[in-house]
Every structure is written in structure tokens, then in C-alpha cells.
Amino acid sequence: MRIWVDADSCPRKIRSYVLRRANELQLPIFFVANRAVPLDENALINKKASRKMIVCDASSESADNYIAAHAEKYDMIITRDIPLAFRLVQNNLCVLNDRGTSYTKESVAKRLADRNYNMQLAQIGLGGKERNAYGGKEFNAFVRCFDKEIMRLIQDDSHSRCYELS
């Protein structure tokens, strides 16, 4: 079980929180991006915790493709990228965004359709650039979602290991 962070657009506060929680839970964490992204080393209790910054080439989907190729059952992926979330959820992986949404096949399909529709509107000049602020409310929703989903994954993974030993 591992945690993957699509780090290109992940807020620093989220990166720090996830790094700290992965460290507490002794889970490996991978930050994947097209550039080096700073990590808050002060968030670590155990400086030897398994964490890695993976810098992919500069092509537009190289980080997404890396995550999609390496994520496995019982891994968690954190991303804002709706097309990437769609790809991962189709493979039954746990995917959440930085605002506390844990995607299902239905919810991510709707999000992708909405995103594509809004992009079409913007291309013909009918859509505006809507920027939603990221603050305490969004961070708290993420923390609740992350903690709930990571505990579920840990439990599911441990159950599967018990059955493998039987």
C-alpha cells in the first residue's frame, strides 16, 4: 500500500499533511511531477520514512502516465486532474482530490463530462475562468476524507493479506 500525489498542482498544505500522515502510518509516499516540488521536511517525525520525489519529463501527461502505470490495488492517489482521476477510478483505485472528494466511477464520469462541457464553452467564448479559493474549509474536508479513506484501505489491505495466508 502506497500513497501517490500528483504534485504539480497539489497545495503545499496538502503535501505537508499527507507527508506527515504517511510518516505516522509508515506508508511509502511518492510525489510525482514535471518539476521538483518542495516538500516540508519539518512534517516528518521519522527522517528515514519512505518518501520519494519523482520528476518526470516535461511532456504534458508524463507525470499522469507514470502514476497510472505504477499505482496498484490498495494504493491511494491524490490529484486535481479529472482525466487522470477517471483513468485511475476505472481501474478500481482509490482517488481523491485536494478538496475532500473521493471519486467513484459515477462521480468522476460526471465531473469529466462537466469539465469537457465547460472547456467547450470556454473555447467558443461563453465560459469564464472560474477560480475557487482554497482555504480552511476545503483543507478540513480533505483531512476528513483522507483519514477515512486511508483507514479503509489499510483495513481492506490487511484483510486481503489474512485471506492470502489462509
C-alpha atoms as a PDB file:
ATOM      1  CA  MET A   1       0.000   0.000   0.000  1.00  0.00           C
ATOM      2  CA  ARG A   2       1.359   3.363  -1.097  1.00  0.00           C
ATOM      3  CA  ILE A   3       0.263   6.966  -1.442  1.00  0.00           C
ATOM      4  CA  TRP A   4       0.746   8.770  -4.750  1.00  0.00           C
ATOM      5  CA  VAL A   5       0.493  12.550  -5.016  1.00  0.00           C
ATOM      6  CA  ASP A   6       0.105  14.297  -8.373  1.00  0.00           C
ATOM      7  CA  ALA A   7       2.288  17.072  -7.018  1.00  0.00           C
ATOM      8  CA  ASP A   8       2.267  19.609  -9.883  1.00  0.00           C
ATOM      9  CA  SER A   9      -0.841  21.385  -8.632  1.00  0.00           C
ATOM     10  CA  CYS A  10      -1.197  19.981  -5.125  1.00  0.00           C
ATOM     11  CA  PRO A  11      -1.287  22.731  -2.470  1.00  0.00           C
ATOM     12  CA  ARG A  12       1.697  22.852  -0.113  1.00  0.00           C
ATOM     13  CA  LYS A  13      -0.579  22.422   2.904  1.00  0.00           C
ATOM     14  CA  ILE A  14      -1.917  19.153   1.465  1.00  0.00           C
ATOM     15  CA  ARG A  15       1.569  17.896   0.608  1.00  0.00           C
ATOM     16  CA  SER A  16       2.726  18.578   4.184  1.00  0.00           C
ATOM     17  CA  TYR A  17      -0.297  16.924   5.757  1.00  0.00           C
ATOM     18  CA  VAL A  18      -0.097  13.813   3.582  1.00  0.00           C
ATOM     19  CA  LEU A  19       3.655  13.534   4.146  1.00  0.00           C
ATOM     20  CA  ARG A  20       3.152  13.750   7.933  1.00  0.00           C
ATOM     21  CA  ARG A  21       0.301  11.180   7.933  1.00  0.00           C
ATOM     22  CA  ALA A  22       2.187   8.766   5.662  1.00  0.00           C
ATOM     23  CA  ASN A  23       5.121   9.055   8.031  1.00  0.00           C
ATOM     24  CA  GLU A  24       2.929   8.368  11.092  1.00  0.00           C
ATOM     25  CA  LEU A  25       1.330   5.367   9.384  1.00  0.00           C
ATOM     26  CA  GLN A  26       4.674   4.167   7.991  1.00  0.00           C
ATOM     27  CA  LEU A  27       3.384   4.184   4.426  1.00  0.00           C
ATOM     28  CA  PRO A  28       5.578   4.909   1.408  1.00  0.00           C
ATOM     29  CA  ILE A  29       4.642   8.107  -0.386  1.00  0.00           C
ATOM     30  CA  PHE A  30       5.543   9.208  -3.900  1.00  0.00           C
ATOM     31  CA  PHE A  31       5.265  12.773  -5.138  1.00  0.00           C
ATOM     32  CA  VAL A  32       5.188  12.806  -8.937  1.00  0.00           C
ATOM     33  CA  ALA A  33       5.547  15.974 -11.034  1.00  0.00           C
ATOM     34  CA  ASN A  34       7.152  17.502 -14.109  1.00  0.00           C
ATOM     35  CA  ARG A  35       9.421  19.560 -11.858  1.00  0.00           C
ATOM     36  CA  ALA A  36      10.922  19.285  -8.399  1.00  0.00           C
ATOM     37  CA  VAL A  37       8.295  20.284  -5.851  1.00  0.00           C
ATOM     38  CA  PRO A  38       9.406  21.369  -2.376  1.00  0.00           C
ATOM     39  CA  LEU A  39       8.495  19.034   0.477  1.00  0.00           C
ATOM     40  CA  ASP A  40       8.105  20.127   4.089  1.00  0.00           C
ATOM     41  CA  GLU A  41      10.757  18.038   5.828  1.00  0.00           C
ATOM     42  CA  ASN A  42       9.616  19.534   9.157  1.00  0.00           C
ATOM     43  CA  ALA A  43       6.430  17.448   8.777  1.00  0.00           C
ATOM     44  CA  LEU A  44       8.467  14.290   9.301  1.00  0.00           C
ATOM     45  CA  ILE A  45       8.828  12.564  12.627  1.00  0.00           C
ATOM     46  CA  ASN A  46      10.970   9.777  11.240  1.00  0.00           C
ATOM     47  CA  LYS A  47      13.513  11.264   8.847  1.00  0.00           C
ATOM     48  CA  LYS A  48      14.077   7.812   7.340  1.00  0.00           C
ATOM     49  CA  ALA A  49      10.440   7.455   6.267  1.00  0.00           C
ATOM     50  CA  SER A  50       9.908   6.135   2.772  1.00  0.00           C
ATOM     51  CA  ARG A  51       9.242   9.138   0.554  1.00  0.00           C
ATOM     52  CA  LYS A  52      10.336   9.958  -2.931  1.00  0.00           C
ATOM     53  CA  MET A  53      10.044  12.874  -5.333  1.00  0.00           C
ATOM     54  CA  ILE A  54       9.765  11.549  -8.891  1.00  0.00           C
ATOM     55  CA  VAL A  55      10.445  14.156 -11.557  1.00  0.00           C
ATOM     56  CA  CYS A  56       9.135  13.151 -14.976  1.00  0.00           C
ATOM     57  CA  ASP A  57       9.961  14.765 -18.300  1.00  0.00           C
ATOM     58  CA  ALA A  58       8.233  17.994 -19.282  1.00  0.00           C
ATOM     59  CA  SER A  59       5.655  16.475 -21.639  1.00  0.00           C
ATOM     60  CA  SER A  60       2.078  17.296 -20.677  1.00  0.00           C
ATOM     61  CA  GLU A  61       0.964  13.908 -19.338  1.00  0.00           C
ATOM     62  CA  SER A  62       4.212  12.259 -18.278  1.00  0.00           C
ATOM     63  CA  ALA A  63       3.531  12.536 -14.529  1.00  0.00           C
ATOM     64  CA  ASP A  64      -0.048  11.290 -15.021  1.00  0.00           C
ATOM     65  CA  ASN A  65       1.167   8.366 -17.119  1.00  0.00           C
ATOM     66  CA  TYR A  66       3.786   7.488 -14.508  1.00  0.00           C
ATOM     67  CA  ILE A  67       1.194   7.357 -11.736  1.00  0.00           C
ATOM     68  CA  ALA A  68      -1.256   5.375 -13.883  1.00  0.00           C
ATOM     69  CA  ALA A  69       1.458   2.854 -14.772  1.00  0.00           C
ATOM     70  CA  HIS A  70       2.672   2.313 -11.200  1.00  0.00           C
ATOM     71  CA  ALA A  71      -0.358   2.619  -8.913  1.00  0.00           C
ATOM     72  CA  GLU A  72      -1.741  -0.698  -7.685  1.00  0.00           C
ATOM     73  CA  LYS A  73      -4.656  -2.091  -5.717  1.00  0.00           C
ATOM     74  CA  TYR A  74      -4.870  -0.577  -2.196  1.00  0.00           C
ATOM     75  CA  ASP A  75      -2.840   2.484  -3.225  1.00  0.00           C
ATOM     76  CA  MET A  76      -4.273   5.965  -2.751  1.00  0.00           C
ATOM     77  CA  ILE A  77      -3.845   8.691  -5.360  1.00  0.00           C
ATOM     78  CA  ILE A  78      -4.365  12.395  -4.710  1.00  0.00           C
ATOM     79  CA  THR A  79      -4.926  14.543  -7.797  1.00  0.00           C
ATOM     80  CA  ARG A  80      -6.831  17.556  -9.118  1.00  0.00           C
ATOM     81  CA  ASP A  81      -6.572  16.161 -12.635  1.00  0.00           C
ATOM     82  CA  ILE A  82     -10.032  14.903 -13.639  1.00  0.00           C
ATOM     83  CA  PRO A  83      -8.919  12.872 -16.709  1.00  0.00           C
ATOM     84  CA  LEU A  84      -6.249  11.166 -14.572  1.00  0.00           C
ATOM     85  CA  ALA A  85      -8.786  10.506 -11.806  1.00  0.00           C
ATOM     86  CA  PHE A  86     -11.120   8.987 -14.416  1.00  0.00           C
ATOM     87  CA  ARG A  87      -8.369   6.648 -15.683  1.00  0.00           C
ATOM     88  CA  LEU A  88      -7.457   5.518 -12.188  1.00  0.00           C
ATOM     89  CA  VAL A  89     -11.001   5.006 -10.906  1.00  0.00           C
ATOM     90  CA  GLN A  90     -11.734   2.818 -13.942  1.00  0.00           C
ATOM     91  CA  ASN A  91      -9.003   0.536 -12.537  1.00  0.00           C
ATOM     92  CA  ASN A  92     -10.762   0.464  -9.137  1.00  0.00           C
ATOM     93  CA  LEU A  93      -8.150   2.596  -7.409  1.00  0.00           C
ATOM     94  CA  CYS A  94      -8.815   4.981  -4.517  1.00  0.00           C
ATOM     95  CA  VAL A  95      -8.614   8.535  -5.873  1.00  0.00           C
ATOM     96  CA  LEU A  96      -9.361  11.779  -4.086  1.00  0.00           C
ATOM     97  CA  ASN A  97      -8.858  15.433  -4.777  1.00  0.00           C
ATOM     98  CA  ASP A  98      -7.459  18.150  -2.531  1.00  0.00           C
ATOM     99  CA  ARG A  99     -10.961  19.344  -1.589  1.00  0.00           C
ATOM    100  CA  GLY A 100     -12.115  16.148   0.063  1.00  0.00           C
ATOM    101  CA  THR A 101     -13.862  14.364  -2.780  1.00  0.00           C
ATOM    102  CA  SER A 102     -13.315  10.620  -3.008  1.00  0.00           C
ATOM    103  CA  TYR A 103     -14.199   9.639  -6.552  1.00  0.00           C
ATOM    104  CA  THR A 104     -16.463   6.804  -7.621  1.00  0.00           C
ATOM    105  CA  LYS A 105     -16.869   5.670 -11.224  1.00  0.00           C
ATOM    106  CA  GLU A 106     -20.138   7.615 -11.448  1.00  0.00           C
ATOM    107  CA  SER A 107     -18.941  10.814  -9.776  1.00  0.00           C
ATOM    108  CA  VAL A 108     -15.722  11.065 -11.766  1.00  0.00           C
ATOM    109  CA  ALA A 109     -17.559  10.381 -15.046  1.00  0.00           C
ATOM    110  CA  LYS A 110     -19.930  13.258 -14.260  1.00  0.00           C
ATOM    111  CA  ARG A 111     -17.001  15.513 -13.285  1.00  0.00           C
ATOM    112  CA  LEU A 112     -15.223  14.670 -16.540  1.00  0.00           C
ATOM    113  CA  ALA A 113     -18.345  15.392 -18.608  1.00  0.00           C
ATOM    114  CA  ASP A 114     -18.842  18.724 -16.791  1.00  0.00           C
ATOM    115  CA  ARG A 115     -15.180  19.607 -17.311  1.00  0.00           C
ATOM    116  CA  ASN A 116     -15.327  18.810 -21.019  1.00  0.00           C
ATOM    117  CA  TYR A 117     -18.560  20.795 -21.454  1.00  0.00           C
ATOM    118  CA  ASN A 118     -17.088  23.815 -19.656  1.00  0.00           C
ATOM    119  CA  MET A 119     -13.962  23.607 -21.817  1.00  0.00           C
ATOM    120  CA  GLN A 120     -16.122  23.639 -24.961  1.00  0.00           C
ATOM    121  CA  LEU A 121     -17.986  26.698 -23.690  1.00  0.00           C
ATOM    122  CA  ALA A 122     -14.700  28.439 -22.932  1.00  0.00           C
ATOM    123  CA  GLN A 123     -13.355  27.637 -26.412  1.00  0.00           C
ATOM    124  CA  ILE A 124     -16.272  29.443 -28.048  1.00  0.00           C
ATOM    125  CA  GLY A 125     -16.054  32.347 -25.609  1.00  0.00           C
ATOM    126  CA  LEU A 126     -19.050  31.536 -23.424  1.00  0.00           C
ATOM    127  CA  GLY A 127     -17.241  30.370 -20.323  1.00  0.00           C
ATOM    128  CA  GLY A 128     -15.288  32.353 -17.819  1.00  0.00           C
ATOM    129  CA  LYS A 129     -12.268  31.344 -15.830  1.00  0.00           C
ATOM    130  CA  GLU A 130     -13.691  30.357 -12.502  1.00  0.00           C
ATOM    131  CA  ARG A 131     -11.155  30.128  -9.694  1.00  0.00           C
ATOM    132  CA  ASN A 132     -12.324  28.702  -6.422  1.00  0.00           C
ATOM    133  CA  ALA A 133     -10.405  29.794  -3.350  1.00  0.00           C
ATOM    134  CA  TYR A 134      -8.676  27.141  -1.289  1.00  0.00           C
ATOM    135  CA  GLY A 135      -8.946  27.705   2.434  1.00  0.00           C
ATOM    136  CA  GLY A 136      -9.565  26.082   5.784  1.00  0.00           C
ATOM    137  CA  LYS A 137     -12.963  24.650   4.854  1.00  0.00           C
ATOM    138  CA  GLU A 138     -11.531  22.817   1.841  1.00  0.00           C
ATOM    139  CA  PHE A 139      -8.471  21.640   3.779  1.00  0.00           C
ATOM    140  CA  ASN A 140     -10.613  20.275   6.625  1.00  0.00           C
ATOM    141  CA  ALA A 141     -12.826  18.421   4.134  1.00  0.00           C
ATOM    142  CA  PHE A 142      -9.682  16.902   2.611  1.00  0.00           C
ATOM    143  CA  VAL A 143      -8.346  15.811   6.014  1.00  0.00           C
ATOM    144  CA  ARG A 144     -11.628  14.079   6.896  1.00  0.00           C
ATOM    145  CA  CYS A 145     -11.798  12.343   3.510  1.00  0.00           C
ATOM    146  CA  PHE A 146      -8.125  11.350   3.526  1.00  0.00           C
ATOM    147  CA  ASP A 147      -8.243   9.884   7.028  1.00  0.00           C
ATOM    148  CA  LYS A 148     -11.456   7.961   6.314  1.00  0.00           C
ATOM    149  CA  GLU A 149     -10.163   6.526   3.018  1.00  0.00           C
ATOM    150  CA  ILE A 150      -6.659   5.689   4.260  1.00  0.00           C
ATOM    151  CA  MET A 151      -8.093   3.769   7.228  1.00  0.00           C
ATOM    152  CA  ARG A 152     -10.458   1.917   4.882  1.00  0.00           C
ATOM    153  CA  LEU A 153      -7.562   0.996   2.574  1.00  0.00           C
ATOM    154  CA  ILE A 154      -5.392  -0.168   5.480  1.00  0.00           C
ATOM    155  CA  GLN A 155      -8.235  -2.344   6.752  1.00  0.00           C
ATOM    156  CA  ASP A 156      -9.015  -3.742   3.274  1.00  0.00           C
ATOM    157  CA  ASP A 157      -5.341  -4.457   2.631  1.00  0.00           C
ATOM    158  CA  SER A 158      -4.870  -6.217   5.971  1.00  0.00           C
ATOM    159  CA  HIS A 159      -8.000  -8.336   5.367  1.00  0.00           C
ATOM    160  CA  SER A 160      -6.734  -9.379   1.953  1.00  0.00           C
ATOM    161  CA  ARG A 161      -3.374 -10.365   3.446  1.00  0.00           C
ATOM    162  CA  CYS A 162      -5.128 -12.511   6.070  1.00  0.00           C
ATOM    163  CA  TYR A 163      -7.032 -14.350   3.340  1.00  0.00           C
ATOM    164  CA  GLU A 164      -3.829 -14.859   1.347  1.00  0.00           C
ATOM    165  CA  LEU A 165      -2.230 -16.556   4.384  1.00  0.00           C
ATOM    166  CA  SER A 166      -5.177 -18.914   4.926  1.00  0.00           C
END
